[in-house]
Protein backbone atom coordinates (compact mmCIF):
# COMPACT_ATOMS: atom_id res chain seq x y z
CA UNK A 1 0.00 0.00 0.00
CA UNK A 2 1.12 3.52 -0.66
CA UNK A 3 -0.10 6.58 1.20
CA UNK A 4 0.76 10.24 0.85
CA UNK A 5 2.28 11.98 3.83
CA UNK A 6 0.89 15.41 4.64
CA UNK A 7 1.22 18.28 2.20
CA UNK A 8 4.68 17.23 1.11
CA UNK A 9 3.38 14.50 -1.14
CA UNK A 10 6.03 12.09 0.13
CA UNK A 11 5.09 8.46 -0.36
CA UNK A 12 4.77 6.25 2.67
CA UNK A 13 4.85 2.49 2.16
CA UNK A 14 2.89 0.21 4.42
CA UNK A 15 1.75 -3.38 4.54
CA UNK A 16 -1.21 -4.86 6.34
CA UNK A 17 -0.68 -6.38 9.76
CA UNK A 18 -3.02 -8.86 11.41
CA UNK A 19 -5.18 -7.31 14.14
CA UNK A 20 -4.01 -9.81 16.73
CA UNK A 21 -0.46 -8.55 16.22
CA UNK A 22 -1.28 -5.36 18.09
CA UNK A 23 0.18 -5.21 21.58
CA UNK A 24 -2.27 -2.61 22.84
CA UNK A 25 -5.30 -4.81 23.38
CA UNK A 26 -7.43 -1.74 24.07
CA UNK A 27 -8.98 0.95 21.92
CA UNK A 28 -8.05 4.03 23.90
CA UNK A 29 -10.05 7.16 23.09
CA UNK A 30 -8.73 10.24 24.83
CA UNK A 31 -10.61 13.51 25.05
CA UNK A 32 -7.85 16.06 25.16
CA UNK A 33 -7.08 19.43 23.73
CA UNK A 34 -3.87 20.74 22.31
CA UNK A 35 -4.46 24.20 23.74
CA UNK A 36 -2.36 23.24 26.74
CA UNK A 37 1.10 21.69 26.83
CA UNK A 38 0.79 18.27 25.16
CA UNK A 39 2.39 16.35 28.03
CA UNK A 40 0.08 17.89 30.61
CA UNK A 41 -3.00 17.43 28.43
CA UNK A 42 -2.13 13.78 27.78
CA UNK A 43 -1.44 13.07 31.45
CA UNK A 44 -4.74 14.67 32.48
CA UNK A 45 -6.64 12.69 29.82
CA UNK A 46 -5.05 9.40 30.93
CA UNK A 47 -5.78 10.14 34.60
CA UNK A 48 -9.41 10.86 33.72
CA UNK A 49 -9.66 7.64 31.68
CA UNK A 50 -8.28 5.65 34.63
CA UNK A 51 -10.55 7.32 37.19
CA UNK A 52 -13.64 6.83 35.02
CA UNK A 53 -12.92 3.12 34.60
CA UNK A 54 -12.29 3.40 30.87
CA UNK A 55 -8.81 2.07 31.60
CA UNK A 56 -8.97 -0.60 34.30
CA UNK A 57 -6.13 -2.03 36.38
CA UNK A 58 -4.13 -4.50 34.34
CA UNK A 59 -5.21 -3.04 31.00
CA UNK A 60 -2.42 -3.05 28.48
CA UNK A 61 -2.07 0.49 27.18
CA UNK A 62 -0.57 1.35 23.79
CA UNK A 63 3.20 1.41 23.54
CA UNK A 64 4.88 4.79 23.77
CA UNK A 65 5.80 4.57 20.10
CA UNK A 66 2.25 3.70 18.99
CA UNK A 67 0.54 6.34 21.14
CA UNK A 68 3.03 9.01 20.10
CA UNK A 69 2.42 8.21 16.43
CA UNK A 70 -1.37 8.21 16.90
CA UNK A 71 -1.35 11.58 18.65
CA UNK A 72 1.41 13.21 16.63
CA UNK A 73 3.62 13.67 19.68
CA UNK A 74 7.26 12.93 20.35
CA UNK A 75 7.86 9.49 21.82
CA UNK A 76 9.79 11.10 24.69
CA UNK A 77 6.71 13.11 25.62
CA UNK A 78 4.59 9.96 25.91
CA UNK A 79 7.38 8.09 27.75
CA UNK A 80 7.63 10.92 30.24
CA UNK A 81 3.87 10.94 30.81
CA UNK A 82 3.81 7.16 31.36
CA UNK A 83 6.74 7.44 33.80
CA UNK A 84 5.10 10.28 35.72
CA UNK A 85 1.80 8.41 35.98
CA UNK A 86 3.59 5.27 37.19
CA UNK A 87 5.43 7.33 39.82
CA UNK A 88 2.07 8.73 40.96
CA UNK A 89 0.75 5.21 41.42
CA UNK A 90 -1.48 4.93 38.35
PDB file of N, CA and C in Angstrom:
ATOM      1  N   UNK A   1       0.832  -1.174   0.000  1.00  0.00           N
ATOM      2  CA  UNK A   1       0.000   0.000   0.000  1.00  0.00           C
ATOM      3  C   UNK A   1       0.873   1.231   0.000  1.00  0.00           C
ATOM      4  N   UNK A   2       0.418   2.258  -0.651  1.00  0.00           N
ATOM      5  CA  UNK A   2       1.124   3.524  -0.661  1.00  0.00           C
ATOM      6  C   UNK A   2       0.189   4.616  -0.190  1.00  0.00           C
ATOM      7  N   UNK A   3       0.660   5.447   0.703  1.00  0.00           N
ATOM      8  CA  UNK A   3      -0.104   6.575   1.201  1.00  0.00           C
ATOM      9  C   UNK A   3       0.716   7.825   0.980  1.00  0.00           C
ATOM     10  N   UNK A   4       0.065   8.969   0.973  1.00  0.00           N
ATOM     11  CA  UNK A   4       0.756  10.238   0.847  1.00  0.00           C
ATOM     12  C   UNK A   4       0.855  10.866   2.221  1.00  0.00           C
ATOM     13  N   UNK A   5       2.015  11.398   2.528  1.00  0.00           N
ATOM     14  CA  UNK A   5       2.279  11.978   3.835  1.00  0.00           C
ATOM     15  C   UNK A   5       2.102  13.483   3.786  1.00  0.00           C
ATOM     16  N   UNK A   6       1.109  13.972   4.501  1.00  0.00           N
ATOM     17  CA  UNK A   6       0.887  15.411   4.643  1.00  0.00           C
ATOM     18  C   UNK A   6       0.836  16.162   3.336  1.00  0.00           C
ATOM     19  N   UNK A   7       1.235  17.425   3.384  1.00  0.00           N
ATOM     20  CA  UNK A   7       1.216  18.283   2.204  1.00  0.00           C
ATOM     21  C   UNK A   7       2.455  18.121   1.348  1.00  0.00           C
ATOM     22  N   UNK A   8       3.426  17.369   1.842  1.00  0.00           N
ATOM     23  CA  UNK A   8       4.680  17.230   1.114  1.00  0.00           C
ATOM     24  C   UNK A   8       4.543  16.313  -0.083  1.00  0.00           C
ATOM     25  N   UNK A   9       3.561  15.434  -0.038  1.00  0.00           N
ATOM     26  CA  UNK A   9       3.380  14.502  -1.145  1.00  0.00           C
ATOM     27  C   UNK A   9       4.333  13.329  -1.091  1.00  0.00           C
ATOM     28  N   UNK A  10       5.094  13.198  -0.003  1.00  0.00           N
ATOM     29  CA  UNK A  10       6.026  12.087   0.130  1.00  0.00           C
ATOM     30  C   UNK A  10       5.258  10.780   0.245  1.00  0.00           C
ATOM     31  N   UNK A  11       5.748   9.758  -0.409  1.00  0.00           N
ATOM     32  CA  UNK A  11       5.088   8.456  -0.364  1.00  0.00           C
ATOM     33  C   UNK A  11       5.498   7.715   0.894  1.00  0.00           C
ATOM     34  N   UNK A  12       4.530   7.072   1.499  1.00  0.00           N
ATOM     35  CA  UNK A  12       4.774   6.246   2.667  1.00  0.00           C
ATOM     36  C   UNK A  12       4.316   4.841   2.322  1.00  0.00           C
ATOM     37  N   UNK A  13       5.190   3.869   2.485  1.00  0.00           N
ATOM     38  CA  UNK A  13       4.853   2.489   2.156  1.00  0.00           C
ATOM     39  C   UNK A  13       4.428   1.755   3.407  1.00  0.00           C
ATOM     40  N   UNK A  14       3.409   0.945   3.284  1.00  0.00           N
ATOM     41  CA  UNK A  14       2.894   0.209   4.420  1.00  0.00           C
ATOM     42  C   UNK A  14       2.368  -1.137   3.956  1.00  0.00           C
ATOM     43  N   UNK A  15       2.358  -2.082   4.843  1.00  0.00           N
ATOM     44  CA  UNK A  15       1.751  -3.376   4.545  1.00  0.00           C
ATOM     45  C   UNK A  15       0.780  -3.713   5.661  1.00  0.00           C
ATOM     46  N   UNK A  16      -0.205  -4.501   5.347  1.00  0.00           N
ATOM     47  CA  UNK A  16      -1.213  -4.860   6.341  1.00  0.00           C
ATOM     48  C   UNK A  16      -0.618  -5.747   7.421  1.00  0.00           C
ATOM     49  N   UNK A  17      -1.118  -5.579   8.621  1.00  0.00           N
ATOM     50  CA  UNK A  17      -0.685  -6.385   9.763  1.00  0.00           C
ATOM     51  C   UNK A  17      -1.934  -6.964  10.400  1.00  0.00           C
ATOM     52  N   UNK A  18      -1.873  -8.211  10.774  1.00  0.00           N
ATOM     53  CA  UNK A  18      -3.019  -8.861  11.407  1.00  0.00           C
ATOM     54  C   UNK A  18      -3.407  -8.126  12.683  1.00  0.00           C
ATOM     55  N   UNK A  19      -4.707  -8.020  12.951  1.00  0.00           N
ATOM     56  CA  UNK A  19      -5.180  -7.308  14.135  1.00  0.00           C
ATOM     57  C   UNK A  19      -4.622  -7.886  15.423  1.00  0.00           C
ATOM     58  N   UNK A  20      -4.481  -9.201  15.489  1.00  0.00           N
ATOM     59  CA  UNK A  20      -4.012  -9.806  16.730  1.00  0.00           C
ATOM     60  C   UNK A  20      -2.531  -9.552  16.982  1.00  0.00           C
ATOM     61  N   UNK A  21      -1.861  -8.888  16.032  1.00  0.00           N
ATOM     62  CA  UNK A  21      -0.456  -8.549  16.217  1.00  0.00           C
ATOM     63  C   UNK A  21      -0.308  -7.365  17.166  1.00  0.00           C
ATOM     64  N   UNK A  22      -1.329  -6.559  17.275  1.00  0.00           N
ATOM     65  CA  UNK A  22      -1.276  -5.358  18.094  1.00  0.00           C
ATOM     66  C   UNK A  22      -1.009  -5.721  19.549  1.00  0.00           C
ATOM     67  N   UNK A  23      -0.137  -4.956  20.182  1.00  0.00           N
ATOM     68  CA  UNK A  23       0.182  -5.207  21.582  1.00  0.00           C
ATOM     69  C   UNK A  23      -0.725  -4.422  22.520  1.00  0.00           C
ATOM     70  N   UNK A  24      -1.484  -3.480  21.981  1.00  0.00           N
ATOM     71  CA  UNK A  24      -2.270  -2.606  22.842  1.00  0.00           C
ATOM     72  C   UNK A  24      -3.400  -3.352  23.529  1.00  0.00           C
ATOM     73  N   UNK A  25      -4.210  -4.073  22.778  1.00  0.00           N
ATOM     74  CA  UNK A  25      -5.303  -4.808  23.381  1.00  0.00           C
ATOM     75  C   UNK A  25      -6.454  -3.942  23.855  1.00  0.00           C
ATOM     76  N   UNK A  26      -6.370  -2.641  23.649  1.00  0.00           N
ATOM     77  CA  UNK A  26      -7.433  -1.736  24.071  1.00  0.00           C
ATOM     78  C   UNK A  26      -7.528  -0.604  23.062  1.00  0.00           C
ATOM     79  N   UNK A  27      -8.754  -0.193  22.792  1.00  0.00           N
ATOM     80  CA  UNK A  27      -8.980   0.952  21.919  1.00  0.00           C
ATOM     81  C   UNK A  27      -9.136   2.158  22.824  1.00  0.00           C
ATOM     82  N   UNK A  28      -8.087   2.921  22.958  1.00  0.00           N
ATOM     83  CA  UNK A  28      -8.051   4.027  23.902  1.00  0.00           C
ATOM     84  C   UNK A  28      -8.459   5.319  23.206  1.00  0.00           C
ATOM     85  N   UNK A  29      -9.583   5.887  23.625  1.00  0.00           N
ATOM     86  CA  UNK A  29     -10.049   7.165  23.091  1.00  0.00           C
ATOM     87  C   UNK A  29      -9.849   8.222  24.157  1.00  0.00           C
ATOM     88  N   UNK A  30      -9.021   9.191  23.858  1.00  0.00           N
ATOM     89  CA  UNK A  30      -8.729  10.241  24.827  1.00  0.00           C
ATOM     90  C   UNK A  30      -9.378  11.542  24.391  1.00  0.00           C
ATOM     91  N   UNK A  31     -10.031  12.208  25.320  1.00  0.00           N
ATOM     92  CA  UNK A  31     -10.613  13.511  25.053  1.00  0.00           C
ATOM     93  C   UNK A  31      -9.631  14.534  25.599  1.00  0.00           C
ATOM     94  N   UNK A  32      -8.833  15.097  24.711  1.00  0.00           N
ATOM     95  CA  UNK A  32      -7.846  16.059  25.158  1.00  0.00           C
ATOM     96  C   UNK A  32      -7.723  17.162  24.144  1.00  0.00           C
ATOM     97  N   UNK A  33      -7.219  18.267  24.602  1.00  0.00           N
ATOM     98  CA  UNK A  33      -7.082  19.433  23.735  1.00  0.00           C
ATOM     99  C   UNK A  33      -5.621  19.829  23.649  1.00  0.00           C
ATOM    100  N   UNK A  34      -5.254  20.310  22.508  1.00  0.00           N
ATOM    101  CA  UNK A  34      -3.866  20.739  22.306  1.00  0.00           C
ATOM    102  C   UNK A  34      -3.649  22.191  22.703  1.00  0.00           C
ATOM    103  N   UNK A  35      -4.623  22.808  23.350  1.00  0.00           N
ATOM    104  CA  UNK A  35      -4.458  24.201  23.744  1.00  0.00           C
ATOM    105  C   UNK A  35      -3.501  24.333  24.922  1.00  0.00           C
ATOM    106  N   UNK A  36      -3.312  23.254  25.632  1.00  0.00           N
ATOM    107  CA  UNK A  36      -2.355  23.242  26.742  1.00  0.00           C
ATOM    108  C   UNK A  36      -1.090  22.523  26.282  1.00  0.00           C
ATOM    109  N   UNK A  37      -0.106  22.465  27.159  1.00  0.00           N
ATOM    110  CA  UNK A  37       1.098  21.690  26.834  1.00  0.00           C
ATOM    111  C   UNK A  37       0.694  20.251  26.575  1.00  0.00           C
ATOM    112  N   UNK A  38       1.201  19.640  25.515  1.00  0.00           N
ATOM    113  CA  UNK A  38       0.787  18.275  25.163  1.00  0.00           C
ATOM    114  C   UNK A  38       1.002  17.261  26.277  1.00  0.00           C
ATOM    115  N   UNK A  39       2.120  17.325  26.964  1.00  0.00           N
ATOM    116  CA  UNK A  39       2.388  16.346  28.027  1.00  0.00           C
ATOM    117  C   UNK A  39       1.359  16.470  29.145  1.00  0.00           C
ATOM    118  N   UNK A  40       1.054  17.679  29.530  1.00  0.00           N
ATOM    119  CA  UNK A  40       0.081  17.888  30.613  1.00  0.00           C
ATOM    120  C   UNK A  40      -1.313  17.451  30.174  1.00  0.00           C
ATOM    121  N   UNK A  41      -1.686  17.796  28.947  1.00  0.00           N
ATOM    122  CA  UNK A  41      -3.001  17.426  28.434  1.00  0.00           C
ATOM    123  C   UNK A  41      -3.136  15.904  28.348  1.00  0.00           C
ATOM    124  N   UNK A  42      -2.090  15.233  27.876  1.00  0.00           N
ATOM    125  CA  UNK A  42      -2.127  13.775  27.777  1.00  0.00           C
ATOM    126  C   UNK A  42      -2.212  13.135  29.160  1.00  0.00           C
ATOM    127  N   UNK A  43      -1.416  13.621  30.091  1.00  0.00           N
ATOM    128  CA  UNK A  43      -1.439  13.072  31.455  1.00  0.00           C
ATOM    129  C   UNK A  43      -2.818  13.247  32.084  1.00  0.00           C
ATOM    130  N   UNK A  44      -3.403  14.424  31.918  1.00  0.00           N
ATOM    131  CA  UNK A  44      -4.736  14.668  32.480  1.00  0.00           C
ATOM    132  C   UNK A  44      -5.780  13.759  31.840  1.00  0.00           C
ATOM    133  N   UNK A  45      -5.681  13.556  30.518  1.00  0.00           N
ATOM    134  CA  UNK A  45      -6.637  12.692  29.818  1.00  0.00           C
ATOM    135  C   UNK A  45      -6.497  11.247  30.276  1.00  0.00           C
ATOM    136  N   UNK A  46      -5.259  10.780  30.465  1.00  0.00           N
ATOM    137  CA  UNK A  46      -5.051   9.404  30.928  1.00  0.00           C
ATOM    138  C   UNK A  46      -5.538   9.230  32.370  1.00  0.00           C
ATOM    139  N   UNK A  47      -5.272  10.213  33.224  1.00  0.00           N
ATOM    140  CA  UNK A  47      -5.780  10.143  34.604  1.00  0.00           C
ATOM    141  C   UNK A  47      -7.304  10.044  34.604  1.00  0.00           C
ATOM    142  N   UNK A  48      -7.947  10.870  33.791  1.00  0.00           N
ATOM    143  CA  UNK A  48      -9.412  10.864  33.721  1.00  0.00           C
ATOM    144  C   UNK A  48      -9.931   9.520  33.211  1.00  0.00           C
ATOM    145  N   UNK A  49      -9.244   8.942  32.219  1.00  0.00           N
ATOM    146  CA  UNK A  49      -9.661   7.639  31.684  1.00  0.00           C
ATOM    147  C   UNK A  49      -9.517   6.543  32.742  1.00  0.00           C
ATOM    148  N   UNK A  50      -8.483   6.636  33.557  1.00  0.00           N
ATOM    149  CA  UNK A  50      -8.277   5.649  34.627  1.00  0.00           C
ATOM    150  C   UNK A  50      -9.340   5.825  35.709  1.00  0.00           C
ATOM    151  N   UNK A  51      -9.562   7.057  36.128  1.00  0.00           N
ATOM    152  CA  UNK A  51     -10.547   7.322  37.187  1.00  0.00           C
ATOM    153  C   UNK A  51     -11.962   6.946  36.774  1.00  0.00           C
ATOM    154  N   UNK A  52     -12.288   7.120  35.492  1.00  0.00           N
ATOM    155  CA  UNK A  52     -13.640   6.827  35.018  1.00  0.00           C
ATOM    156  C   UNK A  52     -13.867   5.335  34.789  1.00  0.00           C
ATOM    157  N   UNK A  53     -12.796   4.553  34.831  1.00  0.00           N
ATOM    158  CA  UNK A  53     -12.921   3.121  34.602  1.00  0.00           C
ATOM    159  C   UNK A  53     -12.758   2.726  33.148  1.00  0.00           C
ATOM    160  N   UNK A  54     -12.533   3.702  32.274  1.00  0.00           N
ATOM    161  CA  UNK A  54     -12.293   3.395  30.865  1.00  0.00           C
ATOM    162  C   UNK A  54     -11.030   2.557  30.725  1.00  0.00           C
ATOM    163  N   UNK A  55     -10.044   2.860  31.540  1.00  0.00           N
ATOM    164  CA  UNK A  55      -8.809   2.070  31.600  1.00  0.00           C
ATOM    165  C   UNK A  55      -8.775   1.442  32.982  1.00  0.00           C
ATOM    166  N   UNK A  56      -8.912   0.125  33.032  1.00  0.00           N
ATOM    167  CA  UNK A  56      -8.975  -0.602  34.302  1.00  0.00           C
ATOM    168  C   UNK A  56      -7.597  -1.130  34.685  1.00  0.00           C
ATOM    169  N   UNK A  57      -7.405  -1.449  35.958  1.00  0.00           N
ATOM    170  CA  UNK A  57      -6.133  -2.028  36.380  1.00  0.00           C
ATOM    171  C   UNK A  57      -5.809  -3.275  35.551  1.00  0.00           C
ATOM    172  N   UNK A  58      -4.580  -3.364  35.130  1.00  0.00           N
ATOM    173  CA  UNK A  58      -4.132  -4.505  34.340  1.00  0.00           C
ATOM    174  C   UNK A  58      -4.336  -4.348  32.845  1.00  0.00           C
ATOM    175  N   UNK A  59      -5.017  -3.272  32.426  1.00  0.00           N
ATOM    176  CA  UNK A  59      -5.213  -3.035  31.001  1.00  0.00           C
ATOM    177  C   UNK A  59      -3.884  -2.719  30.345  1.00  0.00           C
ATOM    178  N   UNK A  60      -3.640  -3.336  29.231  1.00  0.00           N
ATOM    179  CA  UNK A  60      -2.417  -3.052  28.477  1.00  0.00           C
ATOM    180  C   UNK A  60      -2.667  -1.807  27.643  1.00  0.00           C
ATOM    181  N   UNK A  61      -1.918  -0.762  27.923  1.00  0.00           N
ATOM    182  CA  UNK A  61      -2.067   0.491  27.182  1.00  0.00           C
ATOM    183  C   UNK A  61      -1.158   0.463  25.959  1.00  0.00           C
ATOM    184  N   UNK A  62      -1.416   1.329  24.991  1.00  0.00           N
ATOM    185  CA  UNK A  62      -0.569   1.355  23.791  1.00  0.00           C
ATOM    186  C   UNK A  62       0.890   1.631  24.147  1.00  0.00           C
ATOM    187  N   UNK A  63       1.779   1.130  23.328  1.00  0.00           N
ATOM    188  CA  UNK A  63       3.200   1.406  23.539  1.00  0.00           C
ATOM    189  C   UNK A  63       3.450   2.899  23.361  1.00  0.00           C
ATOM    190  N   UNK A  64       4.555   3.369  23.905  1.00  0.00           N
ATOM    191  CA  UNK A  64       4.880   4.787  23.769  1.00  0.00           C
ATOM    192  C   UNK A  64       5.018   5.170  22.299  1.00  0.00           C
ATOM    193  N   UNK A  65       5.612   4.295  21.527  1.00  0.00           N
ATOM    194  CA  UNK A  65       5.799   4.574  20.101  1.00  0.00           C
ATOM    195  C   UNK A  65       4.455   4.654  19.375  1.00  0.00           C
ATOM    196  N   UNK A  66       3.547   3.717  19.656  1.00  0.00           N
ATOM    197  CA  UNK A  66       2.246   3.702  18.985  1.00  0.00           C
ATOM    198  C   UNK A  66       1.397   4.906  19.391  1.00  0.00           C
ATOM    199  N   UNK A  67       1.354   5.216  20.689  1.00  0.00           N
ATOM    200  CA  UNK A  67       0.545   6.337  21.142  1.00  0.00           C
ATOM    201  C   UNK A  67       1.100   7.660  20.620  1.00  0.00           C
ATOM    202  N   UNK A  68       2.413   7.791  20.631  1.00  0.00           N
ATOM    203  CA  UNK A  68       3.026   9.011  20.097  1.00  0.00           C
ATOM    204  C   UNK A  68       2.686   9.195  18.621  1.00  0.00           C
ATOM    205  N   UNK A  69       2.743   8.125  17.864  1.00  0.00           N
ATOM    206  CA  UNK A  69       2.417   8.207  16.433  1.00  0.00           C
ATOM    207  C   UNK A  69       0.949   8.560  16.233  1.00  0.00           C
ATOM    208  N   UNK A  70       0.071   7.943  17.024  1.00  0.00           N
ATOM    209  CA  UNK A  70      -1.366   8.209  16.897  1.00  0.00           C
ATOM    210  C   UNK A  70      -1.711   9.660  17.217  1.00  0.00           C
ATOM    211  N   UNK A  71      -1.033  10.229  18.204  1.00  0.00           N
ATOM    212  CA  UNK A  71      -1.351  11.579  18.652  1.00  0.00           C
ATOM    213  C   UNK A  71      -0.484  12.659  18.009  1.00  0.00           C
ATOM    214  N   UNK A  72       0.524  12.245  17.256  1.00  0.00           N
ATOM    215  CA  UNK A  72       1.411  13.214  16.630  1.00  0.00           C
ATOM    216  C   UNK A  72       2.329  13.897  17.624  1.00  0.00           C
ATOM    217  N   UNK A  73       2.722  13.155  18.648  1.00  0.00           N
ATOM    218  CA  UNK A  73       3.616  13.674  19.675  1.00  0.00           C
ATOM    219  C   UNK A  73       4.972  12.992  19.585  1.00  0.00           C
ATOM    220  N   UNK A  74       5.945  13.566  20.259  1.00  0.00           N
ATOM    221  CA  UNK A  74       7.256  12.931  20.352  1.00  0.00           C
ATOM    222  C   UNK A  74       7.150  11.734  21.296  1.00  0.00           C
ATOM    223  N   UNK A  75       7.894  10.688  20.978  1.00  0.00           N
ATOM    224  CA  UNK A  75       7.863   9.493  21.824  1.00  0.00           C
ATOM    225  C   UNK A  75       8.325   9.813  23.247  1.00  0.00           C
ATOM    226  N   UNK A  76       9.294  10.707  23.367  1.00  0.00           N
ATOM    227  CA  UNK A  76       9.789  11.098  24.685  1.00  0.00           C
ATOM    228  C   UNK A  76       8.717  11.751  25.535  1.00  0.00           C
ATOM    229  N   UNK A  77       7.813  12.479  24.896  1.00  0.00           N
ATOM    230  CA  UNK A  77       6.708  13.106  25.616  1.00  0.00           C
ATOM    231  C   UNK A  77       5.815  12.031  26.232  1.00  0.00           C
ATOM    232  N   UNK A  78       5.455  11.037  25.432  1.00  0.00           N
ATOM    233  CA  UNK A  78       4.593   9.960  25.913  1.00  0.00           C
ATOM    234  C   UNK A  78       5.317   9.131  26.970  1.00  0.00           C
ATOM    235  N   UNK A  79       6.594   8.840  26.762  1.00  0.00           N
ATOM    236  CA  UNK A  79       7.375   8.086  27.746  1.00  0.00           C
ATOM    237  C   UNK A  79       7.408   8.817  29.080  1.00  0.00           C
ATOM    238  N   UNK A  80       7.598  10.117  29.027  1.00  0.00           N
ATOM    239  CA  UNK A  80       7.632  10.917  30.244  1.00  0.00           C
ATOM    240  C   UNK A  80       6.299  10.899  30.976  1.00  0.00           C
ATOM    241  N   UNK A  81       5.206  10.985  30.212  1.00  0.00           N
ATOM    242  CA  UNK A  81       3.874  10.939  30.814  1.00  0.00           C
ATOM    243  C   UNK A  81       3.641   9.592  31.478  1.00  0.00           C
ATOM    244  N   UNK A  82       3.970   8.501  30.775  1.00  0.00           N
ATOM    245  CA  UNK A  82       3.808   7.164  31.364  1.00  0.00           C
ATOM    246  C   UNK A  82       4.633   7.031  32.642  1.00  0.00           C
ATOM    247  N   UNK A  83       5.868   7.532  32.619  1.00  0.00           N
ATOM    248  CA  UNK A  83       6.739   7.438  33.795  1.00  0.00           C
ATOM    249  C   UNK A  83       6.169   8.244  34.957  1.00  0.00           C
ATOM    250  N   UNK A  84       5.672   9.444  34.662  1.00  0.00           N
ATOM    251  CA  UNK A  84       5.095  10.283  35.721  1.00  0.00           C
ATOM    252  C   UNK A  84       3.859   9.619  36.330  1.00  0.00           C
ATOM    253  N   UNK A  85       2.994   9.059  35.473  1.00  0.00           N
ATOM    254  CA  UNK A  85       1.798   8.406  35.984  1.00  0.00           C
ATOM    255  C   UNK A  85       2.147   7.179  36.831  1.00  0.00           C
ATOM    256  N   UNK A  86       3.151   6.437  36.408  1.00  0.00           N
ATOM    257  CA  UNK A  86       3.586   5.268  37.187  1.00  0.00           C
ATOM    258  C   UNK A  86       4.132   5.722  38.555  1.00  0.00           C
ATOM    259  N   UNK A  87       4.882   6.816  38.564  1.00  0.00           N
ATOM    260  CA  UNK A  87       5.429   7.327  39.819  1.00  0.00           C
ATOM    261  C   UNK A  87       4.320   7.817  40.752  1.00  0.00           C
ATOM    262  N   UNK A  88       3.210   8.266  40.161  1.00  0.00           N
ATOM    263  CA  UNK A  88       2.069   8.730  40.958  1.00  0.00           C
ATOM    264  C   UNK A  88       1.194   7.569  41.441  1.00  0.00           C
ATOM    265  N   UNK A  89       1.504   6.362  40.981  1.00  0.00           N
ATOM    266  CA  UNK A  89       0.748   5.206  41.423  1.00  0.00           C
ATOM    267  C   UNK A  89      -0.371   4.769  40.497  1.00  0.00           C
ATOM    268  N   UNK A  90      -0.438   5.327  39.316  1.00  0.00           N
ATOM    269  CA  UNK A  90      -1.484   4.931  38.351  1.00  0.00           C
ATOM    270  C   UNK A  90      -1.085   3.684  37.619  1.00  0.00           C
TER     271      UNK A  90
END
